[in-house]
PDB file of N, CA and C in Angstrom:
ATOM      1  N   MET A   1       0.854  -1.187  -0.019  1.00  0.00           N
ATOM      2  CA  MET A   1      -0.020  -0.009   0.009  1.00  0.00           C
ATOM      3  C   MET A   1       0.891   1.253  -0.025  1.00  0.00           C
ATOM      4  N   PRO A   2       0.692   2.169  -0.937  1.00  0.00           N
ATOM      5  CA  PRO A   2       1.525   3.368  -1.001  1.00  0.00           C
ATOM      6  C   PRO A   2       1.405   4.265   0.232  1.00  0.00           C
ATOM      7  N   VAL A   3       2.517   4.870   0.549  1.00  0.00           N
ATOM      8  CA  VAL A   3       2.606   5.769   1.695  1.00  0.00           C
ATOM      9  C   VAL A   3       2.364   7.179   1.246  1.00  0.00           C
ATOM     10  N   ARG A   4       1.600   7.947   1.999  1.00  0.00           N
ATOM     11  CA  ARG A   4       1.344   9.357   1.675  1.00  0.00           C
ATOM     12  C   ARG A   4       2.513  10.200   2.123  1.00  0.00           C
ATOM     13  N   VAL A   5       3.069  10.981   1.224  1.00  0.00           N
ATOM     14  CA  VAL A   5       4.204  11.871   1.543  1.00  0.00           C
ATOM     15  C   VAL A   5       3.862  13.272   0.998  1.00  0.00           C
ATOM     16  N   PRO A   6       4.516  14.309   1.500  1.00  0.00           N
ATOM     17  CA  PRO A   6       4.269  15.649   0.961  1.00  0.00           C
ATOM     18  C   PRO A   6       4.568  15.699  -0.498  1.00  0.00           C
ATOM     19  N   LYS A   7       3.880  16.539  -1.202  1.00  0.00           N
ATOM     20  CA  LYS A   7       3.958  16.646  -2.636  1.00  0.00           C
ATOM     21  C   LYS A   7       5.364  16.817  -3.128  1.00  0.00           C
ATOM     22  N   LYS A   8       6.155  17.714  -2.482  1.00  0.00           N
ATOM     23  CA  LYS A   8       7.549  17.958  -2.914  1.00  0.00           C
ATOM     24  C   LYS A   8       8.413  16.689  -2.733  1.00  0.00           C
ATOM     25  N   VAL A   9       8.119  15.893  -1.725  1.00  0.00           N
ATOM     26  CA  VAL A   9       8.823  14.643  -1.509  1.00  0.00           C
ATOM     27  C   VAL A   9       8.487  13.660  -2.655  1.00  0.00           C
ATOM     28  N   ALA A  10       7.223  13.569  -2.967  1.00  0.00           N
ATOM     29  CA  ALA A  10       6.751  12.685  -4.032  1.00  0.00           C
ATOM     30  C   ALA A  10       7.422  13.090  -5.382  1.00  0.00           C
ATOM     31  N   GLU A  11       7.517  14.360  -5.597  1.00  0.00           N
ATOM     32  CA  GLU A  11       8.140  14.844  -6.845  1.00  0.00           C
ATOM     33  C   GLU A  11       9.638  14.588  -6.883  1.00  0.00           C
ATOM     34  N   ALA A  12      10.295  14.644  -5.683  1.00  0.00           N
ATOM     35  CA  ALA A  12      11.725  14.267  -5.632  1.00  0.00           C
ATOM     36  C   ALA A  12      11.913  12.772  -5.848  1.00  0.00           C
ATOM     37  N   PHE A  13      11.061  11.919  -5.263  1.00  0.00           N
ATOM     38  CA  PHE A  13      11.078  10.511  -5.546  1.00  0.00           C
ATOM     39  C   PHE A  13      10.921  10.250  -7.019  1.00  0.00           C
ATOM     40  N   ASP A  14       9.898  10.872  -7.634  1.00  0.00           N
ATOM     41  CA  ASP A  14       9.621  10.665  -9.094  1.00  0.00           C
ATOM     42  C   ASP A  14      10.863  11.061  -9.920  1.00  0.00           C
ATOM     43  N   TYR A  15      11.490  12.167  -9.578  1.00  0.00           N
ATOM     44  CA  TYR A  15      12.644  12.637 -10.328  1.00  0.00           C
ATOM     45  C   TYR A  15      13.779  11.554 -10.251  1.00  0.00           C
ATOM     46  N   HIS A  16      14.049  11.122  -9.062  1.00  0.00           N
ATOM     47  CA  HIS A  16      15.135  10.133  -8.908  1.00  0.00           C
ATOM     48  C   HIS A  16      14.779   8.778  -9.469  1.00  0.00           C
ATOM     49  N   ARG A  17      13.517   8.376  -9.414  1.00  0.00           N
ATOM     50  CA  ARG A  17      13.094   7.092  -9.991  1.00  0.00           C
ATOM     51  C   ARG A  17      13.343   7.190 -11.513  1.00  0.00           C
ATOM     52  N   GLU A  18      13.080   8.306 -12.104  1.00  0.00           N
ATOM     53  CA  GLU A  18      13.305   8.494 -13.532  1.00  0.00           C
ATOM     54  C   GLU A  18      14.793   8.385 -13.889  1.00  0.00           C
ATOM     55  N   LEU A  19      15.633   8.972 -12.987  1.00  0.00           N
ATOM     56  CA  LEU A  19      17.074   8.893 -13.178  1.00  0.00           C
ATOM     57  C   LEU A  19      17.582   7.486 -13.081  1.00  0.00           C
ATOM     58  N   LEU A  20      16.961   6.662 -12.240  1.00  0.00           N
ATOM     59  CA  LEU A  20      17.392   5.312 -11.961  1.00  0.00           C
ATOM     60  C   LEU A  20      16.710   4.271 -12.893  1.00  0.00           C
ATOM     61  N   GLU A  21      15.992   4.793 -13.855  1.00  0.00           N
ATOM     62  CA  GLU A  21      15.245   3.879 -14.748  1.00  0.00           C
ATOM     63  C   GLU A  21      16.210   2.909 -15.375  1.00  0.00           C
ATOM     64  N   GLY A  22      15.803   1.641 -15.459  1.00  0.00           N
ATOM     65  CA  GLY A  22      16.680   0.638 -16.039  1.00  0.00           C
ATOM     66  C   GLY A  22      17.460  -0.154 -14.992  1.00  0.00           C
ATOM     67  N   MET A  23      17.489   0.329 -13.740  1.00  0.00           N
ATOM     68  CA  MET A  23      18.103  -0.420 -12.684  1.00  0.00           C
ATOM     69  C   MET A  23      17.079  -1.404 -12.076  1.00  0.00           C
ATOM     70  N   SER A  24      17.655  -2.441 -11.487  1.00  0.00           N
ATOM     71  CA  SER A  24      16.782  -3.402 -10.762  1.00  0.00           C
ATOM     72  C   SER A  24      16.081  -2.727  -9.569  1.00  0.00           C
ATOM     73  N   GLU A  25      14.977  -3.239  -9.132  1.00  0.00           N
ATOM     74  CA  GLU A  25      14.272  -2.660  -7.977  1.00  0.00           C
ATOM     75  C   GLU A  25      15.183  -2.719  -6.737  1.00  0.00           C
ATOM     76  N   GLU A  26      15.938  -3.771  -6.574  1.00  0.00           N
ATOM     77  CA  GLU A  26      16.877  -3.915  -5.452  1.00  0.00           C
ATOM     78  C   GLU A  26      17.925  -2.800  -5.452  1.00  0.00           C
ATOM     79  N   SER A  27      18.463  -2.493  -6.650  1.00  0.00           N
ATOM     80  CA  SER A  27      19.461  -1.414  -6.764  1.00  0.00           C
ATOM     81  C   SER A  27      18.881  -0.076  -6.468  1.00  0.00           C
ATOM     82  N   LYS A  28      17.638   0.150  -6.939  1.00  0.00           N
ATOM     83  CA  LYS A  28      16.948   1.446  -6.646  1.00  0.00           C
ATOM     84  C   LYS A  28      16.763   1.584  -5.177  1.00  0.00           C
ATOM     85  N   VAL A  29      16.335   0.545  -4.478  1.00  0.00           N
ATOM     86  CA  VAL A  29      16.129   0.590  -3.045  1.00  0.00           C
ATOM     87  C   VAL A  29      17.426   0.966  -2.325  1.00  0.00           C
ATOM     88  N   LEU A  30      18.513   0.319  -2.739  1.00  0.00           N
ATOM     89  CA  LEU A  30      19.849   0.618  -2.154  1.00  0.00           C
ATOM     90  C   LEU A  30      20.248   2.078  -2.399  1.00  0.00           C
ATOM     91  N   MET A  31      19.985   2.623  -3.576  1.00  0.00           N
ATOM     92  CA  MET A  31      20.334   3.956  -3.879  1.00  0.00           C
ATOM     93  C   MET A  31      19.540   4.924  -2.990  1.00  0.00           C
ATOM     94  N   PHE A  32      18.229   4.652  -2.872  1.00  0.00           N
ATOM     95  CA  PHE A  32      17.403   5.533  -1.993  1.00  0.00           C
ATOM     96  C   PHE A  32      17.846   5.421  -0.528  1.00  0.00           C
ATOM     97  N   MET A  33      18.212   4.212  -0.086  1.00  0.00           N
ATOM     98  CA  MET A  33      18.591   4.059   1.297  1.00  0.00           C
ATOM     99  C   MET A  33      19.934   4.755   1.592  1.00  0.00           C
ATOM    100  N   SER A  34      20.741   4.984   0.581  1.00  0.00           N
ATOM    101  CA  SER A  34      22.001   5.648   0.779  1.00  0.00           C
ATOM    102  C   SER A  34      21.857   7.182   0.965  1.00  0.00           C
ATOM    103  N   ILE A  35      20.769   7.727   0.470  1.00  0.00           N
ATOM    104  CA  ILE A  35      20.573   9.167   0.473  1.00  0.00           C
ATOM    105  C   ILE A  35      20.678   9.800   1.875  1.00  0.00           C
ATOM    106  N   PRO A  36      20.028   9.256   2.878  1.00  0.00           N
ATOM    107  CA  PRO A  36      20.053   9.908   4.175  1.00  0.00           C
ATOM    108  C   PRO A  36      21.437  10.067   4.788  1.00  0.00           C
ATOM    109  N   SER A  37      22.370   9.220   4.400  1.00  0.00           N
ATOM    110  CA  SER A  37      23.726   9.294   5.005  1.00  0.00           C
ATOM    111  C   SER A  37      24.772   9.788   4.046  1.00  0.00           C
ATOM    112  N   SER A  38      24.326  10.266   2.865  1.00  0.00           N
ATOM    113  CA  SER A  38      25.283  10.731   1.872  1.00  0.00           C
ATOM    114  C   SER A  38      25.246  12.215   1.715  1.00  0.00           C
ATOM    115  N   ARG A  39      26.298  12.736   1.164  1.00  0.00           N
ATOM    116  CA  ARG A  39      26.343  14.149   0.806  1.00  0.00           C
ATOM    117  C   ARG A  39      25.637  14.326  -0.535  1.00  0.00           C
ATOM    118  N   VAL A  40      24.524  15.090  -0.467  1.00  0.00           N
ATOM    119  CA  VAL A  40      23.678  15.196  -1.669  1.00  0.00           C
ATOM    120  C   VAL A  40      23.377  16.673  -1.887  1.00  0.00           C
ATOM    121  N   ARG A  41      22.815  16.933  -3.052  1.00  0.00           N
ATOM    122  CA  ARG A  41      22.386  18.283  -3.427  1.00  0.00           C
ATOM    123  C   ARG A  41      21.158  18.207  -4.301  1.00  0.00           C
ATOM    124  N   GLY A  42      20.643  19.317  -4.665  1.00  0.00           N
ATOM    125  CA  GLY A  42      19.415  19.339  -5.483  1.00  0.00           C
ATOM    126  C   GLY A  42      18.222  18.697  -4.855  1.00  0.00           C
ATOM    127  N   ARG A  43      17.527  17.966  -5.637  1.00  0.00           N
ATOM    128  CA  ARG A  43      16.270  17.306  -5.170  1.00  0.00           C
ATOM    129  C   ARG A  43      16.532  16.194  -4.174  1.00  0.00           C
ATOM    130  N   ALA A  44      17.745  15.654  -4.156  1.00  0.00           N
ATOM    131  CA  ALA A  44      18.041  14.635  -3.198  1.00  0.00           C
ATOM    132  C   ALA A  44      18.045  15.210  -1.754  1.00  0.00           C
ATOM    133  N   LEU A  45      18.255  16.515  -1.610  1.00  0.00           N
ATOM    134  CA  LEU A  45      18.245  17.167  -0.335  1.00  0.00           C
ATOM    135  C   LEU A  45      16.836  17.061   0.291  1.00  0.00           C
ATOM    136  N   ILE A  46      15.796  17.165  -0.542  1.00  0.00           N
ATOM    137  CA  ILE A  46      14.438  17.060  -0.077  1.00  0.00           C
ATOM    138  C   ILE A  46      14.233  15.633   0.526  1.00  0.00           C
ATOM    139  N   LEU A  47      14.739  14.630  -0.187  1.00  0.00           N
ATOM    140  CA  LEU A  47      14.631  13.252   0.322  1.00  0.00           C
ATOM    141  C   LEU A  47      15.391  13.077   1.575  1.00  0.00           C
ATOM    142  N   LYS A  48      16.596  13.578   1.607  1.00  0.00           N
ATOM    143  CA  LYS A  48      17.460  13.460   2.796  1.00  0.00           C
ATOM    144  C   LYS A  48      16.826  14.080   4.039  1.00  0.00           C
ATOM    145  N   GLU A  49      16.310  15.271   3.915  1.00  0.00           N
ATOM    146  CA  GLU A  49      15.679  15.963   5.021  1.00  0.00           C
ATOM    147  C   GLU A  49      14.415  15.188   5.479  1.00  0.00           C
ATOM    148  N   PHE A  50      13.662  14.710   4.511  1.00  0.00           N
ATOM    149  CA  PHE A  50      12.459  13.946   4.877  1.00  0.00           C
ATOM    150  C   PHE A  50      12.887  12.635   5.557  1.00  0.00           C
ATOM    151  N   ALA A  51      13.914  11.974   5.044  1.00  0.00           N
ATOM    152  CA  ALA A  51      14.355  10.668   5.619  1.00  0.00           C
ATOM    153  C   ALA A  51      14.859  10.862   7.017  1.00  0.00           C
ATOM    154  N   ASN A  52      15.586  11.961   7.266  1.00  0.00           N
ATOM    155  CA  ASN A  52      16.153  12.177   8.596  1.00  0.00           C
ATOM    156  C   ASN A  52      15.029  12.556   9.569  1.00  0.00           C
ATOM    157  N   LYS A  53      13.995  13.253   9.127  1.00  0.00           N
ATOM    158  CA  LYS A  53      12.917  13.613   9.990  1.00  0.00           C
ATOM    159  C   LYS A  53      11.890  12.507  10.245  1.00  0.00           C
ATOM    160  N   TYR A  54      11.658  11.739   9.158  1.00  0.00           N
ATOM    161  CA  TYR A  54      10.643  10.630   9.190  1.00  0.00           C
ATOM    162  C   TYR A  54      11.251   9.339   8.602  1.00  0.00           C
ATOM    163  N   PRO A  55      12.218   8.735   9.300  1.00  0.00           N
ATOM    164  CA  PRO A  55      12.928   7.583   8.715  1.00  0.00           C
ATOM    165  C   PRO A  55      12.052   6.369   8.408  1.00  0.00           C
ATOM    166  N   ILE A  56      11.066   6.073   9.207  1.00  0.00           N
ATOM    167  CA  ILE A  56      10.234   4.913   8.961  1.00  0.00           C
ATOM    168  C   ILE A  56       9.357   5.202   7.756  1.00  0.00           C
ATOM    169  N   THR A  57       8.774   6.366   7.723  1.00  0.00           N
ATOM    170  CA  THR A  57       7.910   6.743   6.579  1.00  0.00           C
ATOM    171  C   THR A  57       8.705   6.712   5.299  1.00  0.00           C
ATOM    172  N   PHE A  58       9.912   7.240   5.362  1.00  0.00           N
ATOM    173  CA  PHE A  58      10.809   7.191   4.181  1.00  0.00           C
ATOM    174  C   PHE A  58      11.047   5.801   3.712  1.00  0.00           C
ATOM    175  N   LEU A  59      11.437   4.883   4.599  1.00  0.00           N
ATOM    176  CA  LEU A  59      11.684   3.513   4.224  1.00  0.00           C
ATOM    177  C   LEU A  59      10.444   2.812   3.678  1.00  0.00           C
ATOM    178  N   ASP A  60       9.292   3.123   4.309  1.00  0.00           N
ATOM    179  CA  ASP A  60       8.070   2.513   3.848  1.00  0.00           C
ATOM    180  C   ASP A  60       7.724   2.987   2.389  1.00  0.00           C
ATOM    181  N   ALA A  61       7.993   4.303   2.136  1.00  0.00           N
ATOM    182  CA  ALA A  61       7.778   4.850   0.824  1.00  0.00           C
ATOM    183  C   ALA A  61       8.689   4.217  -0.222  1.00  0.00           C
ATOM    184  N   VAL A  62       9.951   4.001   0.142  1.00  0.00           N
ATOM    185  CA  VAL A  62      10.924   3.406  -0.754  1.00  0.00           C
ATOM    186  C   VAL A  62      10.458   1.952  -1.043  1.00  0.00           C
ATOM    187  N   ARG A  63      10.039   1.235  -0.057  1.00  0.00           N
ATOM    188  CA  ARG A  63       9.716  -0.163  -0.217  1.00  0.00           C
ATOM    189  C   ARG A  63       8.310  -0.399  -0.805  1.00  0.00           C
ATOM    190  N   ASN A  64       7.319   0.385  -0.377  1.00  0.00           N
ATOM    191  CA  ASN A  64       5.916   0.105  -0.751  1.00  0.00           C
ATOM    192  C   ASN A  64       5.357   1.101  -1.745  1.00  0.00           C
ATOM    193  N   GLY A  65       6.113   2.062  -2.106  1.00  0.00           N
ATOM    194  CA  GLY A  65       5.585   3.094  -3.055  1.00  0.00           C
ATOM    195  C   GLY A  65       5.055   4.301  -2.268  1.00  0.00           C
ATOM    196  N   TYR A  66       4.654   5.331  -2.948  1.00  0.00           N
ATOM    197  CA  TYR A  66       4.215   6.551  -2.287  1.00  0.00           C
ATOM    198  C   TYR A  66       3.188   7.259  -3.163  1.00  0.00           C
ATOM    199  N   GLU A  67       2.460   8.132  -2.551  1.00  0.00           N
ATOM    200  CA  GLU A  67       1.595   8.994  -3.305  1.00  0.00           C
ATOM    201  C   GLU A  67       1.637  10.353  -2.653  1.00  0.00           C
ATOM    202  N   ALA A  68       1.449  11.400  -3.468  1.00  0.00           N
ATOM    203  CA  ALA A  68       1.545  12.808  -2.946  1.00  0.00           C
ATOM    204  C   ALA A  68       0.338  13.127  -2.137  1.00  0.00           C
ATOM    205  N   GLU A  69       0.633  13.749  -0.940  1.00  0.00           N
ATOM    206  CA  GLU A  69      -0.485  14.354  -0.172  1.00  0.00           C
ATOM    207  C   GLU A  69      -0.808  15.645  -0.836  1.00  0.00           C
ATOM    208  N   ILE A  70      -2.049  15.945  -0.977  1.00  0.00           N
ATOM    209  CA  ILE A  70      -2.434  17.223  -1.624  1.00  0.00           C
ATOM    210  C   ILE A  70      -3.018  18.120  -0.616  1.00  0.00           C
ATOM    211  N   ASP A  71      -2.380  19.277  -0.466  1.00  0.00           N
ATOM    212  CA  ASP A  71      -2.826  20.341   0.417  1.00  0.00           C
ATOM    213  C   ASP A  71      -3.853  21.176  -0.365  1.00  0.00           C
ATOM    214  N   ILE A  72      -5.109  20.845  -0.227  1.00  0.00           N
ATOM    215  CA  ILE A  72      -6.155  21.444  -1.087  1.00  0.00           C
ATOM    216  C   ILE A  72      -6.165  22.980  -0.909  1.00  0.00           C
ATOM    217  N   GLN A  73      -5.969  23.463   0.305  1.00  0.00           N
ATOM    218  CA  GLN A  73      -6.003  24.878   0.497  1.00  0.00           C
ATOM    219  C   GLN A  73      -4.828  25.569  -0.265  1.00  0.00           C
ATOM    220  N   ALA A  74      -3.644  25.043  -0.202  1.00  0.00           N
ATOM    221  CA  ALA A  74      -2.523  25.571  -0.909  1.00  0.00           C
ATOM    222  C   ALA A  74      -2.719  25.514  -2.407  1.00  0.00           C
ATOM    223  N   GLU A  75      -3.216  24.330  -2.901  1.00  0.00           N
ATOM    224  CA  GLU A  75      -3.465  24.202  -4.334  1.00  0.00           C
ATOM    225  C   GLU A  75      -4.495  25.200  -4.827  1.00  0.00           C
ATOM    226  N   LEU A  76      -5.578  25.344  -4.054  1.00  0.00           N
ATOM    227  CA  LEU A  76      -6.646  26.302  -4.469  1.00  0.00           C
ATOM    228  C   LEU A  76      -6.143  27.731  -4.421  1.00  0.00           C
ATOM    229  N   SER A  77      -5.370  28.050  -3.393  1.00  0.00           N
ATOM    230  CA  SER A  77      -4.781  29.371  -3.268  1.00  0.00           C
ATOM    231  C   SER A  77      -3.875  29.676  -4.479  1.00  0.00           C
ATOM    232  N   GLN A  78      -3.091  28.735  -4.878  1.00  0.00           N
ATOM    233  CA  GLN A  78      -2.213  28.899  -6.036  1.00  0.00           C
ATOM    234  C   GLN A  78      -3.050  29.079  -7.298  1.00  0.00           C
ATOM    235  N   MET A  79      -4.094  28.267  -7.484  1.00  0.00           N
ATOM    236  CA  MET A  79      -4.962  28.434  -8.621  1.00  0.00           C
ATOM    237  C   MET A  79      -5.599  29.818  -8.688  1.00  0.00           C
ATOM    238  N   LEU A  80      -6.117  30.267  -7.541  1.00  0.00           N
ATOM    239  CA  LEU A  80      -6.724  31.616  -7.504  1.00  0.00           C
ATOM    240  C   LEU A  80      -5.746  32.701  -7.844  1.00  0.00           C
ATOM    241  N   THR A  81      -4.551  32.613  -7.316  1.00  0.00           N
ATOM    242  CA  THR A  81      -3.536  33.627  -7.610  1.00  0.00           C
ATOM    243  C   THR A  81      -3.225  33.673  -9.130  1.00  0.00           C
ATOM    244  N   LEU A  82      -3.015  32.498  -9.682  1.00  0.00           N
ATOM    245  CA  LEU A  82      -2.685  32.445 -11.114  1.00  0.00           C
ATOM    246  C   LEU A  82      -3.863  32.981 -11.931  1.00  0.00           C
ATOM    247  N   TRP A  83      -5.048  32.577 -11.578  1.00  0.00           N
ATOM    248  CA  TRP A  83      -6.217  32.972 -12.342  1.00  0.00           C
ATOM    249  C   TRP A  83      -6.465  34.474 -12.238  1.00  0.00           C
ATOM    250  N   LEU A  84      -6.286  35.023 -11.061  1.00  0.00           N
ATOM    251  CA  LEU A  84      -6.511  36.511 -10.874  1.00  0.00           C
ATOM    252  C   LEU A  84      -5.414  37.348 -11.545  1.00  0.00           C
ATOM    253  N   GLU A  85      -4.248  36.830 -11.715  1.00  0.00           N
ATOM    254  CA  GLU A  85      -3.114  37.590 -12.280  1.00  0.00           C
ATOM    255  C   GLU A  85      -3.091  37.539 -13.780  1.00  0.00           C
ATOM    256  N   LYS A  86      -3.721  36.583 -14.422  1.00  0.00           N
ATOM    257  CA  LYS A  86      -3.580  36.499 -15.875  1.00  0.00           C
ATOM    258  C   LYS A  86      -4.742  37.155 -16.589  1.00  0.00           C
ATOM    259  N   PRO A  87      -4.481  37.640 -17.812  1.00  0.00           N
ATOM    260  CA  PRO A  87      -5.572  38.266 -18.595  1.00  0.00           C
ATOM    261  C   PRO A  87      -6.524  37.177 -19.068  1.00  0.00           C
ATOM    262  N   TYR A  88      -7.723  37.564 -19.450  1.00  0.00           N
ATOM    263  CA  TYR A  88      -8.703  36.597 -19.978  1.00  0.00           C
ATOM    264  C   TYR A  88      -8.135  35.999 -21.219  1.00  0.00           C
ATOM    265  N   VAL A  89      -8.394  34.665 -21.412  1.00  0.00           N
ATOM    266  CA  VAL A  89      -7.929  33.942 -22.579  1.00  0.00           C
ATOM    267  C   VAL A  89      -9.035  34.125 -23.626  1.00  0.00           C
ATOM    268  N   GLY A  90     -10.234  33.901 -23.262  1.00  0.00           N
ATOM    269  CA  GLY A  90     -11.353  34.095 -24.207  1.00  0.00           C
ATOM    270  C   GLY A  90     -12.214  35.230 -23.664  1.00  0.00           C
ATOM    271  N   ASN A  91     -13.402  34.852 -23.258  1.00  0.00           N
ATOM    272  CA  ASN A  91     -14.250  35.895 -22.630  1.00  0.00           C
ATOM    273  C   ASN A  91     -14.353  35.598 -21.157  1.00  0.00           C
ATOM    274  N   GLU A  92     -14.907  36.494 -20.405  1.00  0.00           N
ATOM    275  CA  GLU A  92     -14.935  36.390 -18.939  1.00  0.00           C
ATOM    276  C   GLU A  92     -15.705  35.085 -18.528  1.00  0.00           C
ATOM    277  N   GLN A  93     -16.837  34.852 -19.095  1.00  0.00           N
ATOM    278  CA  GLN A  93     -17.641  33.675 -18.701  1.00  0.00           C
ATOM    279  C   GLN A  93     -16.886  32.402 -19.014  1.00  0.00           C
ATOM    280  N   GLU A  94     -16.237  32.335 -20.158  1.00  0.00           N
ATOM    281  CA  GLU A  94     -15.477  31.129 -20.518  1.00  0.00           C
ATOM    282  C   GLU A  94     -14.327  30.890 -19.522  1.00  0.00           C
ATOM    283  N   ASP A  95     -13.657  31.955 -19.088  1.00  0.00           N
ATOM    284  CA  ASP A  95     -12.600  31.802 -18.108  1.00  0.00           C
ATOM    285  C   ASP A  95     -13.149  31.390 -16.752  1.00  0.00           C
ATOM    286  N   ILE A  96     -14.308  31.915 -16.364  1.00  0.00           N
ATOM    287  CA  ILE A  96     -14.925  31.472 -15.111  1.00  0.00           C
ATOM    288  C   ILE A  96     -15.274  29.961 -15.187  1.00  0.00           C
ATOM    289  N   ASN A  97     -15.777  29.531 -16.320  1.00  0.00           N
ATOM    290  CA  ASN A  97     -16.100  28.109 -16.469  1.00  0.00           C
ATOM    291  C   ASN A  97     -14.839  27.243 -16.411  1.00  0.00           C
ATOM    292  N   ASN A  98     -13.778  27.709 -17.035  1.00  0.00           N
ATOM    293  CA  ASN A  98     -12.503  26.987 -17.039  1.00  0.00           C
ATOM    294  C   ASN A  98     -11.960  26.911 -15.591  1.00  0.00           C
ATOM    295  N   PHE A  99     -12.100  27.953 -14.848  1.00  0.00           N
ATOM    296  CA  PHE A  99     -11.622  27.974 -13.485  1.00  0.00           C
ATOM    297  C   PHE A  99     -12.471  27.036 -12.641  1.00  0.00           C
ATOM    298  N   ALA A 100     -13.728  27.053 -12.794  1.00  0.00           N
ATOM    299  CA  ALA A 100     -14.608  26.169 -12.071  1.00  0.00           C
ATOM    300  C   ALA A 100     -14.277  24.718 -12.385  1.00  0.00           C
ATOM    301  N   HIS A 101     -13.901  24.405 -13.661  1.00  0.00           N
ATOM    302  CA  HIS A 101     -13.539  23.071 -14.072  1.00  0.00           C
ATOM    303  C   HIS A 101     -12.245  22.689 -13.337  1.00  0.00           C
ATOM    304  N   MET A 102     -11.254  23.564 -13.234  1.00  0.00           N
ATOM    305  CA  MET A 102      -9.980  23.252 -12.540  1.00  0.00           C
ATOM    306  C   MET A 102     -10.276  22.961 -11.049  1.00  0.00           C
ATOM    307  N   VAL A 103     -11.096  23.782 -10.454  1.00  0.00           N
ATOM    308  CA  VAL A 103     -11.422  23.597  -9.021  1.00  0.00           C
ATOM    309  C   VAL A 103     -12.116  22.243  -8.799  1.00  0.00           C
ATOM    310  N   THR A 104     -13.057  21.939  -9.638  1.00  0.00           N
ATOM    311  CA  THR A 104     -13.750  20.700  -9.537  1.00  0.00           C
ATOM    312  C   THR A 104     -12.834  19.495  -9.658  1.00  0.00           C
ATOM    313  N   LYS A 105     -11.848  19.577 -10.581  1.00  0.00           N
ATOM    314  CA  LYS A 105     -10.893  18.496 -10.737  1.00  0.00           C
ATOM    315  C   LYS A 105     -10.040  18.327  -9.490  1.00  0.00           C
ATOM    316  N   LEU A 106      -9.710  19.440  -8.826  1.00  0.00           N
ATOM    317  CA  LEU A 106      -8.936  19.406  -7.648  1.00  0.00           C
ATOM    318  C   LEU A 106      -9.640  18.611  -6.540  1.00  0.00           C
ATOM    319  N   PHE A 107     -10.926  18.815  -6.360  1.00  0.00           N
ATOM    320  CA  PHE A 107     -11.683  18.131  -5.352  1.00  0.00           C
ATOM    321  C   PHE A 107     -11.980  16.685  -5.692  1.00  0.00           C
ATOM    322  N   LEU A 108     -11.914  16.356  -6.944  1.00  0.00           N
ATOM    323  CA  LEU A 108     -12.167  14.968  -7.286  1.00  0.00           C
ATOM    324  C   LEU A 108     -10.904  14.098  -7.311  1.00  0.00           C
ATOM    325  N   LYS A 109      -9.773  14.616  -6.953  1.00  0.00           N
ATOM    326  CA  LYS A 109      -8.527  13.839  -6.978  1.00  0.00           C
ATOM    327  C   LYS A 109      -8.564  12.756  -5.920  1.00  0.00           C
TER     328      LYS A 109
END
C-alpha cells in the first residue's frame, strides 16, 4: 500500500526514479537508502531531510511506493492567484467556467 508523503517529496522521488530507470528494484532501493547518510544536493536534499525527520515513513515509501499528499487549501490558493493575475484567454464567462472546471478536478482527486 503506497505511503502518503508531501507533494515535494513525491516529486523528488519521481525525479530520482526516472534517473534510476533501467536499474533493478533492489538497486533502486539501495540507492534511495544511501541518500540519508550521503552528501547530496538538489532534489536529493528534499529526500534526505524527509528521511532524517521521518525515517520509517521514508523507508516505507521506498519499499511500498508513495503518493503525494495534496494540500487542497494551498493548491486552491495557487490556482486563485494564477487565475486572478492572468488576462482573460477568451471571454470572462469562458474563463470562469474553465476555473470552475480546474477547481472541480482538484476536489475529485
